[in-house]
Amino acid sequence: MAYIHGTATKMTFPIENSQHPLTIDSGAHFSIVARKYLDNHFPNWEKQLLPTKAKSFKSASEKITSIGDIIKEIIIPHRKGNIRLNQEFVVLEDAHIQGFLLGTDYQNMYVIDI
């Protein structure tokens, strides 16, 4: 299922054998996920935490703190064979998003033109 809202497309994708909301946001530079979402859906996720390259991010209304990066495999179903992306997400302490937000960094990493 997918629908478009402004510059974002909201979908559901399999990540670690279960369906999770994923927003593709062409206005976001980094791919992000909220710590609270990981706490609720991925037990032991902190064991996968990697150091982050950037320590501070800003939203339109507030400063948000990064606590690290996490890599999750996103499986994009396709009739000719699934596409698997090992995507790095910045884990944000105070983010108010449900699910994963895929920024434009994946386009650079995988050389994808949309």
PDB file of N, CA and C in Angstrom:
ATOM      1  N   MET A   1       0.835  -1.172   0.000  1.00  0.00           N
ATOM      2  CA  MET A   1       0.000   0.000   0.000  1.00  0.00           C
ATOM      3  C   MET A   1       0.885   1.241   0.000  1.00  0.00           C
ATOM      4  N   ALA A   2       0.504   2.247  -0.751  1.00  0.00           N
ATOM      5  CA  ALA A   2       1.275   3.490  -0.776  1.00  0.00           C
ATOM      6  C   ALA A   2       0.343   4.650  -1.067  1.00  0.00           C
ATOM      7  N   TYR A   3       0.677   5.792  -0.527  1.00  0.00           N
ATOM      8  CA  TYR A   3      -0.013   7.016  -0.897  1.00  0.00           C
ATOM      9  C   TYR A   3       0.952   8.174  -0.782  1.00  0.00           C
ATOM     10  N   ILE A   4       0.677   9.239  -1.536  1.00  0.00           N
ATOM     11  CA  ILE A   4       1.573  10.389  -1.591  1.00  0.00           C
ATOM     12  C   ILE A   4       0.964  11.538  -0.799  1.00  0.00           C
ATOM     13  N   HIS A   5       1.815  12.183  -0.010  1.00  0.00           N
ATOM     14  CA  HIS A   5       1.389  13.334   0.791  1.00  0.00           C
ATOM     15  C   HIS A   5       2.482  14.389   0.690  1.00  0.00           C
ATOM     16  N   GLY A   6       2.235  15.465  -0.041  1.00  0.00           N
ATOM     17  CA  GLY A   6       3.256  16.502  -0.217  1.00  0.00           C
ATOM     18  C   GLY A   6       4.462  15.945  -0.945  1.00  0.00           C
ATOM     19  N   THR A   7       5.643  16.068  -0.332  1.00  0.00           N
ATOM     20  CA  THR A   7       6.866  15.538  -0.947  1.00  0.00           C
ATOM     21  C   THR A   7       7.200  14.153  -0.411  1.00  0.00           C
ATOM     22  N   ALA A   8       6.266  13.526   0.286  1.00  0.00           N
ATOM     23  CA  ALA A   8       6.543  12.222   0.894  1.00  0.00           C
ATOM     24  C   ALA A   8       5.589  11.166   0.358  1.00  0.00           C
ATOM     25  N   THR A   9       6.085   9.949   0.240  1.00  0.00           N
ATOM     26  CA  THR A   9       5.287   8.793  -0.117  1.00  0.00           C
ATOM     27  C   THR A   9       5.314   7.837   1.062  1.00  0.00           C
ATOM     28  N   LYS A  10       4.148   7.463   1.555  1.00  0.00           N
ATOM     29  CA  LYS A  10       4.063   6.571   2.713  1.00  0.00           C
ATOM     30  C   LYS A  10       3.697   5.175   2.243  1.00  0.00           C
ATOM     31  N   MET A  11       4.480   4.188   2.703  1.00  0.00           N
ATOM     32  CA  MET A  11       4.279   2.800   2.310  1.00  0.00           C
ATOM     33  C   MET A  11       4.529   1.890   3.497  1.00  0.00           C
ATOM     34  N   THR A  12       4.290   0.615   3.276  1.00  0.00           N
ATOM     35  CA  THR A  12       4.622  -0.396   4.263  1.00  0.00           C
ATOM     36  C   THR A  12       5.573  -1.381   3.596  1.00  0.00           C
ATOM     37  N   PHE A  13       6.699  -1.667   4.257  1.00  0.00           N
ATOM     38  CA  PHE A  13       7.688  -2.587   3.713  1.00  0.00           C
ATOM     39  C   PHE A  13       8.080  -3.621   4.750  1.00  0.00           C
ATOM     40  N   PRO A  14       8.472  -4.819   4.279  1.00  0.00           N
ATOM     41  CA  PRO A  14       8.990  -5.806   5.230  1.00  0.00           C
ATOM     42  C   PRO A  14      10.403  -5.431   5.677  1.00  0.00           C
ATOM     43  N   ILE A  15      10.580  -5.374   6.980  1.00  0.00           N
ATOM     44  CA  ILE A  15      11.888  -5.163   7.594  1.00  0.00           C
ATOM     45  C   ILE A  15      11.984  -6.180   8.722  1.00  0.00           C
ATOM     46  N   GLU A  16      12.977  -7.043   8.666  1.00  0.00           N
ATOM     47  CA  GLU A  16      13.152  -8.118   9.645  1.00  0.00           C
ATOM     48  C   GLU A  16      11.874  -8.935   9.831  1.00  0.00           C
ATOM     49  N   ASN A  17      11.335  -9.416   8.734  1.00  0.00           N
ATOM     50  CA  ASN A  17      10.215 -10.362   8.728  1.00  0.00           C
ATOM     51  C   ASN A  17       8.886  -9.824   9.230  1.00  0.00           C
ATOM     52  N   SER A  18       8.724  -8.526   9.330  1.00  0.00           N
ATOM     53  CA  SER A  18       7.410  -7.964   9.651  1.00  0.00           C
ATOM     54  C   SER A  18       7.240  -6.636   8.920  1.00  0.00           C
ATOM     55  N   GLN A  19       6.001  -6.237   8.735  1.00  0.00           N
ATOM     56  CA  GLN A  19       5.685  -5.022   7.987  1.00  0.00           C
ATOM     57  C   GLN A  19       5.862  -3.787   8.865  1.00  0.00           C
ATOM     58  N   HIS A  20       6.505  -2.758   8.297  1.00  0.00           N
ATOM     59  CA  HIS A  20       6.736  -1.511   9.025  1.00  0.00           C
ATOM     60  C   HIS A  20       6.456  -0.332   8.103  1.00  0.00           C
ATOM     61  N   PRO A  21       5.904   0.761   8.664  1.00  0.00           N
ATOM     62  CA  PRO A  21       5.680   1.955   7.853  1.00  0.00           C
ATOM     63  C   PRO A  21       7.005   2.588   7.441  1.00  0.00           C
ATOM     64  N   LEU A  22       7.064   2.997   6.197  1.00  0.00           N
ATOM     65  CA  LEU A  22       8.257   3.649   5.674  1.00  0.00           C
ATOM     66  C   LEU A  22       7.805   4.829   4.823  1.00  0.00           C
ATOM     67  N   THR A  23       8.299   6.007   5.146  1.00  0.00           N
ATOM     68  CA  THR A  23       7.983   7.216   4.394  1.00  0.00           C
ATOM     69  C   THR A  23       9.191   7.582   3.547  1.00  0.00           C
ATOM     70  N   ILE A  24       8.989   7.702   2.248  1.00  0.00           N
ATOM     71  CA  ILE A  24      10.051   8.178   1.362  1.00  0.00           C
ATOM     72  C   ILE A  24       9.861   9.684   1.251  1.00  0.00           C
ATOM     73  N   ASP A  25      10.830  10.432   1.769  1.00  0.00           N
ATOM     74  CA  ASP A  25      10.704  11.889   1.864  1.00  0.00           C
ATOM     75  C   ASP A  25      11.800  12.559   1.047  1.00  0.00           C
ATOM     76  N   SER A  26      11.429  13.126  -0.093  1.00  0.00           N
ATOM     77  CA  SER A  26      12.415  13.765  -0.970  1.00  0.00           C
ATOM     78  C   SER A  26      12.959  15.063  -0.382  1.00  0.00           C
ATOM     79  N   GLY A  27      12.366  15.556   0.689  1.00  0.00           N
ATOM     80  CA  GLY A  27      12.859  16.764   1.338  1.00  0.00           C
ATOM     81  C   GLY A  27      13.813  16.493   2.483  1.00  0.00           C
ATOM     82  N   ALA A  28      14.012  15.219   2.812  1.00  0.00           N
ATOM     83  CA  ALA A  28      14.902  14.849   3.921  1.00  0.00           C
ATOM     84  C   ALA A  28      16.236  14.364   3.368  1.00  0.00           C
ATOM     85  N   HIS A  29      17.323  14.871   3.910  1.00  0.00           N
ATOM     86  CA  HIS A  29      18.643  14.456   3.439  1.00  0.00           C
ATOM     87  C   HIS A  29      19.040  13.103   4.026  1.00  0.00           C
ATOM     88  N   PHE A  30      18.741  12.879   5.303  1.00  0.00           N
ATOM     89  CA  PHE A  30      19.123  11.644   5.989  1.00  0.00           C
ATOM     90  C   PHE A  30      17.920  10.730   6.171  1.00  0.00           C
ATOM     91  N   SER A  31      18.181   9.436   6.237  1.00  0.00           N
ATOM     92  CA  SER A  31      17.163   8.462   6.610  1.00  0.00           C
ATOM     93  C   SER A  31      17.179   8.353   8.125  1.00  0.00           C
ATOM     94  N   ILE A  32      15.994   8.372   8.737  1.00  0.00           N
ATOM     95  CA  ILE A  32      15.933   8.404  10.198  1.00  0.00           C
ATOM     96  C   ILE A  32      14.884   7.437  10.738  1.00  0.00           C
ATOM     97  N   VAL A  33      15.039   7.134  12.014  1.00  0.00           N
ATOM     98  CA  VAL A  33      14.056   6.354  12.761  1.00  0.00           C
ATOM     99  C   VAL A  33      14.105   6.849  14.201  1.00  0.00           C
ATOM    100  N   ALA A  34      12.973   6.843  14.858  1.00  0.00           N
ATOM    101  CA  ALA A  34      12.911   7.300  16.246  1.00  0.00           C
ATOM    102  C   ALA A  34      13.289   6.172  17.200  1.00  0.00           C
ATOM    103  N   ARG A  35      14.007   6.510  18.238  1.00  0.00           N
ATOM    104  CA  ARG A  35      14.381   5.538  19.266  1.00  0.00           C
ATOM    105  C   ARG A  35      13.135   4.843  19.826  1.00  0.00           C
ATOM    106  N   LYS A  36      12.092   5.612  20.061  1.00  0.00           N
ATOM    107  CA  LYS A  36      10.856   5.066  20.630  1.00  0.00           C
ATOM    108  C   LYS A  36      10.266   3.984  19.726  1.00  0.00           C
ATOM    109  N   TYR A  37      10.327   4.197  18.411  1.00  0.00           N
ATOM    110  CA  TYR A  37       9.812   3.187  17.482  1.00  0.00           C
ATOM    111  C   TYR A  37      10.640   1.904  17.571  1.00  0.00           C
ATOM    112  N   LEU A  38      11.952   2.044  17.614  1.00  0.00           N
ATOM    113  CA  LEU A  38      12.812   0.866  17.741  1.00  0.00           C
ATOM    114  C   LEU A  38      12.551   0.145  19.057  1.00  0.00           C
ATOM    115  N   ASP A  39      12.410   0.906  20.148  1.00  0.00           N
ATOM    116  CA  ASP A  39      12.117   0.301  21.452  1.00  0.00           C
ATOM    117  C   ASP A  39      10.854  -0.551  21.398  1.00  0.00           C
ATOM    118  N   ASN A  40       9.845  -0.074  20.687  1.00  0.00           N
ATOM    119  CA  ASN A  40       8.553  -0.765  20.634  1.00  0.00           C
ATOM    120  C   ASN A  40       8.505  -1.942  19.664  1.00  0.00           C
ATOM    121  N   HIS A  41       9.389  -1.964  18.650  1.00  0.00           N
ATOM    122  CA  HIS A  41       9.265  -2.968  17.592  1.00  0.00           C
ATOM    123  C   HIS A  41      10.487  -3.862  17.375  1.00  0.00           C
ATOM    124  N   PHE A  42      11.637  -3.498  17.915  1.00  0.00           N
ATOM    125  CA  PHE A  42      12.860  -4.266  17.674  1.00  0.00           C
ATOM    126  C   PHE A  42      13.602  -4.510  18.988  1.00  0.00           C
ATOM    127  N   PRO A  43      13.293  -5.607  19.668  1.00  0.00           N
ATOM    128  CA  PRO A  43      14.016  -5.889  20.910  1.00  0.00           C
ATOM    129  C   PRO A  43      15.519  -6.026  20.630  1.00  0.00           C
ATOM    130  N   ASN A  44      16.310  -5.548  21.527  1.00  0.00           N
ATOM    131  CA  ASN A  44      17.778  -5.646  21.427  1.00  0.00           C
ATOM    132  C   ASN A  44      18.373  -4.840  20.272  1.00  0.00           C
ATOM    133  N   TRP A  45      17.664  -3.854  19.770  1.00  0.00           N
ATOM    134  CA  TRP A  45      18.184  -3.062  18.659  1.00  0.00           C
ATOM    135  C   TRP A  45      19.461  -2.320  19.039  1.00  0.00           C
ATOM    136  N   GLU A  46      19.614  -2.008  20.325  1.00  0.00           N
ATOM    137  CA  GLU A  46      20.783  -1.228  20.753  1.00  0.00           C
ATOM    138  C   GLU A  46      22.096  -1.973  20.523  1.00  0.00           C
ATOM    139  N   LYS A  47      22.038  -3.300  20.416  1.00  0.00           N
ATOM    140  CA  LYS A  47      23.244  -4.085  20.125  1.00  0.00           C
ATOM    141  C   LYS A  47      23.736  -3.841  18.703  1.00  0.00           C
ATOM    142  N   GLN A  48      22.862  -3.322  17.841  1.00  0.00           N
ATOM    143  CA  GLN A  48      23.212  -3.046  16.443  1.00  0.00           C
ATOM    144  C   GLN A  48      23.618  -1.593  16.217  1.00  0.00           C
ATOM    145  N   LEU A  49      23.610  -0.795  17.271  1.00  0.00           N
ATOM    146  CA  LEU A  49      23.858   0.644  17.144  1.00  0.00           C
ATOM    147  C   LEU A  49      25.308   0.923  16.753  1.00  0.00           C
ATOM    148  N   LEU A  50      25.480   1.776  15.763  1.00  0.00           N
ATOM    149  CA  LEU A  50      26.799   2.190  15.278  1.00  0.00           C
ATOM    150  C   LEU A  50      26.997   3.667  15.593  1.00  0.00           C
ATOM    151  N   PRO A  51      28.247   4.126  15.674  1.00  0.00           N
ATOM    152  CA  PRO A  51      28.473   5.570  15.872  1.00  0.00           C
ATOM    153  C   PRO A  51      27.911   6.349  14.686  1.00  0.00           C
ATOM    154  N   THR A  52      27.355   7.503  14.958  1.00  0.00           N
ATOM    155  CA  THR A  52      26.798   8.336  13.892  1.00  0.00           C
ATOM    156  C   THR A  52      27.826   9.362  13.433  1.00  0.00           C
ATOM    157  N   LYS A  53      27.700   9.774  12.190  1.00  0.00           N
ATOM    158  CA  LYS A  53      28.635  10.755  11.643  1.00  0.00           C
ATOM    159  C   LYS A  53      28.261  12.176  12.064  1.00  0.00           C
ATOM    160  N   ALA A  54      26.976  12.449  12.155  1.00  0.00           N
ATOM    161  CA  ALA A  54      26.507  13.784  12.559  1.00  0.00           C
ATOM    162  C   ALA A  54      25.834  13.681  13.919  1.00  0.00           C
ATOM    163  N   LYS A  55      26.075  14.629  14.788  1.00  0.00           N
ATOM    164  CA  LYS A  55      25.563  14.558  16.153  1.00  0.00           C
ATOM    165  C   LYS A  55      24.303  15.380  16.381  1.00  0.00           C
ATOM    166  N   SER A  56      24.019  16.344  15.526  1.00  0.00           N
ATOM    167  CA  SER A  56      22.888  17.229  15.771  1.00  0.00           C
ATOM    168  C   SER A  56      22.097  17.448  14.489  1.00  0.00           C
ATOM    169  N   PHE A  57      20.799  17.381  14.614  1.00  0.00           N
ATOM    170  CA  PHE A  57      19.907  17.589  13.483  1.00  0.00           C
ATOM    171  C   PHE A  57      18.862  18.611  13.884  1.00  0.00           C
ATOM    172  N   LYS A  58      18.279  19.269  12.890  1.00  0.00           N
ATOM    173  CA  LYS A  58      17.233  20.248  13.175  1.00  0.00           C
ATOM    174  C   LYS A  58      15.986  19.888  12.388  1.00  0.00           C
ATOM    175  N   SER A  59      14.862  20.058  13.017  1.00  0.00           N
ATOM    176  CA  SER A  59      13.599  19.956  12.300  1.00  0.00           C
ATOM    177  C   SER A  59      13.085  21.377  12.116  1.00  0.00           C
ATOM    178  N   ALA A  60      11.903  21.503  11.595  1.00  0.00           N
ATOM    179  CA  ALA A  60      11.345  22.842  11.387  1.00  0.00           C
ATOM    180  C   ALA A  60      11.111  23.562  12.709  1.00  0.00           C
ATOM    181  N   SER A  61      10.911  22.811  13.790  1.00  0.00           N
ATOM    182  CA  SER A  61      10.530  23.457  15.047  1.00  0.00           C
ATOM    183  C   SER A  61      11.444  23.172  16.232  1.00  0.00           C
ATOM    184  N   GLU A  62      12.360  22.209  16.106  1.00  0.00           N
ATOM    185  CA  GLU A  62      13.163  21.865  17.274  1.00  0.00           C
ATOM    186  C   GLU A  62      14.499  21.237  16.887  1.00  0.00           C
ATOM    187  N   LYS A  63      15.421  21.211  17.831  1.00  0.00           N
ATOM    188  CA  LYS A  63      16.693  20.525  17.662  1.00  0.00           C
ATOM    189  C   LYS A  63      16.496  19.077  18.112  1.00  0.00           C
ATOM    190  N   ILE A  64      17.028  18.151  17.355  1.00  0.00           N
ATOM    191  CA  ILE A  64      16.857  16.732  17.657  1.00  0.00           C
ATOM    192  C   ILE A  64      18.232  16.101  17.803  1.00  0.00           C
ATOM    193  N   THR A  65      18.396  15.229  18.787  1.00  0.00           N
ATOM    194  CA  THR A  65      19.687  14.622  19.073  1.00  0.00           C
ATOM    195  C   THR A  65      19.786  13.209  18.501  1.00  0.00           C
ATOM    196  N   SER A  66      20.889  12.941  17.819  1.00  0.00           N
ATOM    197  CA  SER A  66      21.176  11.613  17.290  1.00  0.00           C
ATOM    198  C   SER A  66      21.901  10.791  18.349  1.00  0.00           C
ATOM    199  N   ILE A  67      21.534   9.507  18.445  1.00  0.00           N
ATOM    200  CA  ILE A  67      22.242   8.633  19.388  1.00  0.00           C
ATOM    201  C   ILE A  67      23.072   7.576  18.676  1.00  0.00           C
ATOM    202  N   GLY A  68      22.991   7.516  17.361  1.00  0.00           N
ATOM    203  CA  GLY A  68      23.773   6.555  16.599  1.00  0.00           C
ATOM    204  C   GLY A  68      23.069   6.196  15.303  1.00  0.00           C
ATOM    205  N   ASP A  69      23.649   5.250  14.591  1.00  0.00           N
ATOM    206  CA  ASP A  69      23.081   4.768  13.336  1.00  0.00           C
ATOM    207  C   ASP A  69      22.754   3.292  13.472  1.00  0.00           C
ATOM    208  N   ILE A  70      21.800   2.852  12.679  1.00  0.00           N
ATOM    209  CA  ILE A  70      21.444   1.438  12.651  1.00  0.00           C
ATOM    210  C   ILE A  70      21.195   1.060  11.194  1.00  0.00           C
ATOM    211  N   ILE A  71      21.599  -0.128  10.816  1.00  0.00           N
ATOM    212  CA  ILE A  71      21.396  -0.597   9.448  1.00  0.00           C
ATOM    213  C   ILE A  71      20.272  -1.625   9.449  1.00  0.00           C
ATOM    214  N   LYS A  72      19.302  -1.401   8.580  1.00  0.00           N
ATOM    215  CA  LYS A  72      18.181  -2.328   8.419  1.00  0.00           C
ATOM    216  C   LYS A  72      18.044  -2.673   6.946  1.00  0.00           C
ATOM    217  N   GLU A  73      17.737  -3.935   6.677  1.00  0.00           N
ATOM    218  CA  GLU A  73      17.506  -4.359   5.304  1.00  0.00           C
ATOM    219  C   GLU A  73      16.046  -4.097   4.947  1.00  0.00           C
ATOM    220  N   ILE A  74      15.851  -3.295   3.925  1.00  0.00           N
ATOM    221  CA  ILE A  74      14.518  -3.011   3.407  1.00  0.00           C
ATOM    222  C   ILE A  74      14.320  -3.893   2.183  1.00  0.00           C
ATOM    223  N   ILE A  75      13.223  -4.611   2.144  1.00  0.00           N
ATOM    224  CA  ILE A  75      12.921  -5.467   0.998  1.00  0.00           C
ATOM    225  C   ILE A  75      11.797  -4.813   0.203  1.00  0.00           C
ATOM    226  N   ILE A  76      12.108  -4.435  -1.027  1.00  0.00           N
ATOM    227  CA  ILE A  76      11.116  -3.820  -1.904  1.00  0.00           C
ATOM    228  C   ILE A  76      10.618  -4.905  -2.857  1.00  0.00           C
ATOM    229  N   PRO A  77       9.368  -5.334  -2.676  1.00  0.00           N
ATOM    230  CA  PRO A  77       8.844  -6.399  -3.535  1.00  0.00           C
ATOM    231  C   PRO A  77       8.743  -5.944  -4.995  1.00  0.00           C
ATOM    232  N   HIS A  78       9.120  -6.838  -5.899  1.00  0.00           N
ATOM    233  CA  HIS A  78       9.022  -6.557  -7.332  1.00  0.00           C
ATOM    234  C   HIS A  78       8.715  -7.862  -8.044  1.00  0.00           C
ATOM    235  N   ARG A  79       7.910  -7.796  -9.084  1.00  0.00           N
ATOM    236  CA  ARG A  79       7.500  -9.015  -9.776  1.00  0.00           C
ATOM    237  C   ARG A  79       8.663  -9.753 -10.431  1.00  0.00           C
ATOM    238  N   LYS A  80       9.758  -9.066 -10.721  1.00  0.00           N
ATOM    239  CA  LYS A  80      10.921  -9.716 -11.329  1.00  0.00           C
ATOM    240  C   LYS A  80      11.979 -10.088 -10.300  1.00  0.00           C
ATOM    241  N   GLY A  81      11.659  -9.936  -9.047  1.00  0.00           N
ATOM    242  CA  GLY A  81      12.614 -10.256  -7.978  1.00  0.00           C
ATOM    243  C   GLY A  81      12.717  -9.103  -7.001  1.00  0.00           C
ATOM    244  N   ASN A  82      12.741  -9.433  -5.744  1.00  0.00           N
ATOM    245  CA  ASN A  82      12.790  -8.406  -4.706  1.00  0.00           C
ATOM    246  C   ASN A  82      14.087  -7.602  -4.757  1.00  0.00           C
ATOM    247  N   ILE A  83      13.981  -6.336  -4.386  1.00  0.00           N
ATOM    248  CA  ILE A  83      15.147  -5.462  -4.276  1.00  0.00           C
ATOM    249  C   ILE A  83      15.466  -5.326  -2.797  1.00  0.00           C
ATOM    250  N   ARG A  84      16.700  -5.583  -2.432  1.00  0.00           N
ATOM    251  CA  ARG A  84      17.117  -5.510  -1.029  1.00  0.00           C
ATOM    252  C   ARG A  84      18.094  -4.353  -0.850  1.00  0.00           C
ATOM    253  N   LEU A  85      17.733  -3.442   0.049  1.00  0.00           N
ATOM    254  CA  LEU A  85      18.593  -2.302   0.364  1.00  0.00           C
ATOM    255  C   LEU A  85      19.047  -2.413   1.809  1.00  0.00           C
ATOM    256  N   ASN A  86      20.338  -2.427   2.046  1.00  0.00           N
ATOM    257  CA  ASN A  86      20.861  -2.335   3.407  1.00  0.00           C
ATOM    258  C   ASN A  86      21.025  -0.856   3.709  1.00  0.00           C
ATOM    259  N   GLN A  87      20.024  -0.298   4.363  1.00  0.00           N
ATOM    260  CA  GLN A  87      19.952   1.146   4.556  1.00  0.00           C
ATOM    261  C   GLN A  87      20.360   1.544   5.963  1.00  0.00           C
ATOM    262  N   GLU A  88      21.178   2.579   6.037  1.00  0.00           N
ATOM    263  CA  GLU A  88      21.599   3.149   7.316  1.00  0.00           C
ATOM    264  C   GLU A  88      20.603   4.221   7.734  1.00  0.00           C
ATOM    265  N   PHE A  89      20.085   4.087   8.949  1.00  0.00           N
ATOM    266  CA  PHE A  89      19.148   5.060   9.508  1.00  0.00           C
ATOM    267  C   PHE A  89      19.787   5.725  10.712  1.00  0.00           C
ATOM    268  N   VAL A  90      19.657   7.033  10.806  1.00  0.00           N
ATOM    269  CA  VAL A  90      20.098   7.764  11.989  1.00  0.00           C
ATOM    270  C   VAL A  90      19.008   7.584  13.041  1.00  0.00           C
ATOM    271  N   VAL A  91      19.404   7.135  14.235  1.00  0.00           N
ATOM    272  CA  VAL A  91      18.454   6.953  15.331  1.00  0.00           C
ATOM    273  C   VAL A  91      18.375   8.265  16.102  1.00  0.00           C
ATOM    274  N   LEU A  92      17.182   8.837  16.154  1.00  0.00           N
ATOM    275  CA  LEU A  92      16.989  10.121  16.819  1.00  0.00           C
ATOM    276  C   LEU A  92      16.270   9.930  18.152  1.00  0.00           C
ATOM    277  N   GLU A  93      16.796  10.590  19.151  1.00  0.00           N
ATOM    278  CA  GLU A  93      16.267  10.468  20.510  1.00  0.00           C
ATOM    279  C   GLU A  93      14.852  11.014  20.632  1.00  0.00           C
ATOM    280  N   ASP A  94      14.607  12.171  20.072  1.00  0.00           N
ATOM    281  CA  ASP A  94      13.356  12.885  20.326  1.00  0.00           C
ATOM    282  C   ASP A  94      12.429  12.980  19.115  1.00  0.00           C
ATOM    283  N   ALA A  95      12.658  12.199  18.095  1.00  0.00           N
ATOM    284  CA  ALA A  95      11.847  12.316  16.877  1.00  0.00           C
ATOM    285  C   ALA A  95      10.423  11.836  17.121  1.00  0.00           C
ATOM    286  N   HIS A  96       9.494  12.482  16.461  1.00  0.00           N
ATOM    287  CA  HIS A  96       8.078  12.140  16.595  1.00  0.00           C
ATOM    288  C   HIS A  96       7.563  11.536  15.289  1.00  0.00           C
ATOM    289  N   ILE A  97       8.216  10.486  14.830  1.00  0.00           N
ATOM    290  CA  ILE A  97       7.775   9.820  13.606  1.00  0.00           C
ATOM    291  C   ILE A  97       7.429   8.375  13.934  1.00  0.00           C
ATOM    292  N   GLN A  98       6.481   7.839  13.204  1.00  0.00           N
ATOM    293  CA  GLN A  98       6.101   6.443  13.353  1.00  0.00           C
ATOM    294  C   GLN A  98       6.688   5.664  12.188  1.00  0.00           C
ATOM    295  N   GLY A  99       7.557   4.737  12.475  1.00  0.00           N
ATOM    296  CA  GLY A  99       8.180   3.958  11.424  1.00  0.00           C
ATOM    297  C   GLY A  99       9.494   4.569  10.975  1.00  0.00           C
ATOM    298  N   PHE A 100       9.880   4.237   9.770  1.00  0.00           N
ATOM    299  CA  PHE A 100      11.153   4.661   9.203  1.00  0.00           C
ATOM    300  C   PHE A 100      10.916   5.771   8.187  1.00  0.00           C
ATOM    301  N   LEU A 101      11.857   6.696   8.098  1.00  0.00           N
ATOM    302  CA  LEU A 101      11.803   7.756   7.102  1.00  0.00           C
ATOM    303  C   LEU A 101      13.032   7.607   6.216  1.00  0.00           C
ATOM    304  N   LEU A 102      12.795   7.398   4.937  1.00  0.00           N
ATOM    305  CA  LEU A 102      13.872   7.206   3.971  1.00  0.00           C
ATOM    306  C   LEU A 102      14.138   8.530   3.279  1.00  0.00           C
ATOM    307  N   GLY A 103      15.293   9.126   3.563  1.00  0.00           N
ATOM    308  CA  GLY A 103      15.685  10.395   2.956  1.00  0.00           C
ATOM    309  C   GLY A 103      16.393  10.165   1.635  1.00  0.00           C
ATOM    310  N   THR A 104      16.935  11.223   1.071  1.00  0.00           N
ATOM    311  CA  THR A 104      17.580  11.112  -0.239  1.00  0.00           C
ATOM    312  C   THR A 104      18.958  10.462  -0.187  1.00  0.00           C
ATOM    313  N   ASP A 105      19.466  10.162   1.003  1.00  0.00           N
ATOM    314  CA  ASP A 105      20.782   9.525   1.093  1.00  0.00           C
ATOM    315  C   ASP A 105      20.812   8.158   0.412  1.00  0.00           C
ATOM    316  N   TYR A 106      19.680   7.447   0.381  1.00  0.00           N
ATOM    317  CA  TYR A 106      19.669   6.138  -0.275  1.00  0.00           C
ATOM    318  C   TYR A 106      19.868   6.280  -1.779  1.00  0.00           C
ATOM    319  N   GLN A 107      19.400   7.389  -2.361  1.00  0.00           N
ATOM    320  CA  GLN A 107      19.579   7.596  -3.792  1.00  0.00           C
ATOM    321  C   GLN A 107      21.055   7.741  -4.138  1.00  0.00           C
ATOM    322  N   ASN A 108      21.797   8.440  -3.289  1.00  0.00           N
ATOM    323  CA  ASN A 108      23.236   8.599  -3.510  1.00  0.00           C
ATOM    324  C   ASN A 108      23.971   7.286  -3.280  1.00  0.00           C
ATOM    325  N   MET A 109      23.585   6.569  -2.247  1.00  0.00           N
ATOM    326  CA  MET A 109      24.268   5.327  -1.906  1.00  0.00           C
ATOM    327  C   MET A 109      24.087   4.259  -2.989  1.00  0.00           C
ATOM    328  N   TYR A 110      22.882   4.148  -3.521  1.00  0.00           N
ATOM    329  CA  TYR A 110      22.579   3.113  -4.505  1.00  0.00           C
ATOM    330  C   TYR A 110      22.498   3.652  -5.933  1.00  0.00           C
ATOM    331  N   VAL A 111      22.833   4.923  -6.148  1.00  0.00           N
ATOM    332  CA  VAL A 111      22.795   5.582  -7.451  1.00  0.00           C
ATOM    333  C   VAL A 111      21.431   5.353  -8.116  1.00  0.00           C
ATOM    334  N   ILE A 112      20.395   5.799  -7.415  1.00  0.00           N
ATOM    335  CA  ILE A 112      19.026   5.663  -7.898  1.00  0.00           C
ATOM    336  C   ILE A 112      18.534   7.026  -8.356  1.00  0.00           C
ATOM    337  N   ASP A 113      18.002   7.081  -9.564  1.00  0.00           N
ATOM    338  CA  ASP A 113      17.384   8.306 -10.079  1.00  0.00           C
ATOM    339  C   ASP A 113      15.877   8.117 -10.090  1.00  0.00           C
ATOM    340  N   ILE A 114      15.178   9.113  -9.535  1.00  0.00           N
ATOM    341  CA  ILE A 114      13.710   9.057  -9.548  1.00  0.00           C
ATOM    342  C   ILE A 114      13.204  10.253 -10.326  1.00  0.00           C
TER     343      ILE A 114
END
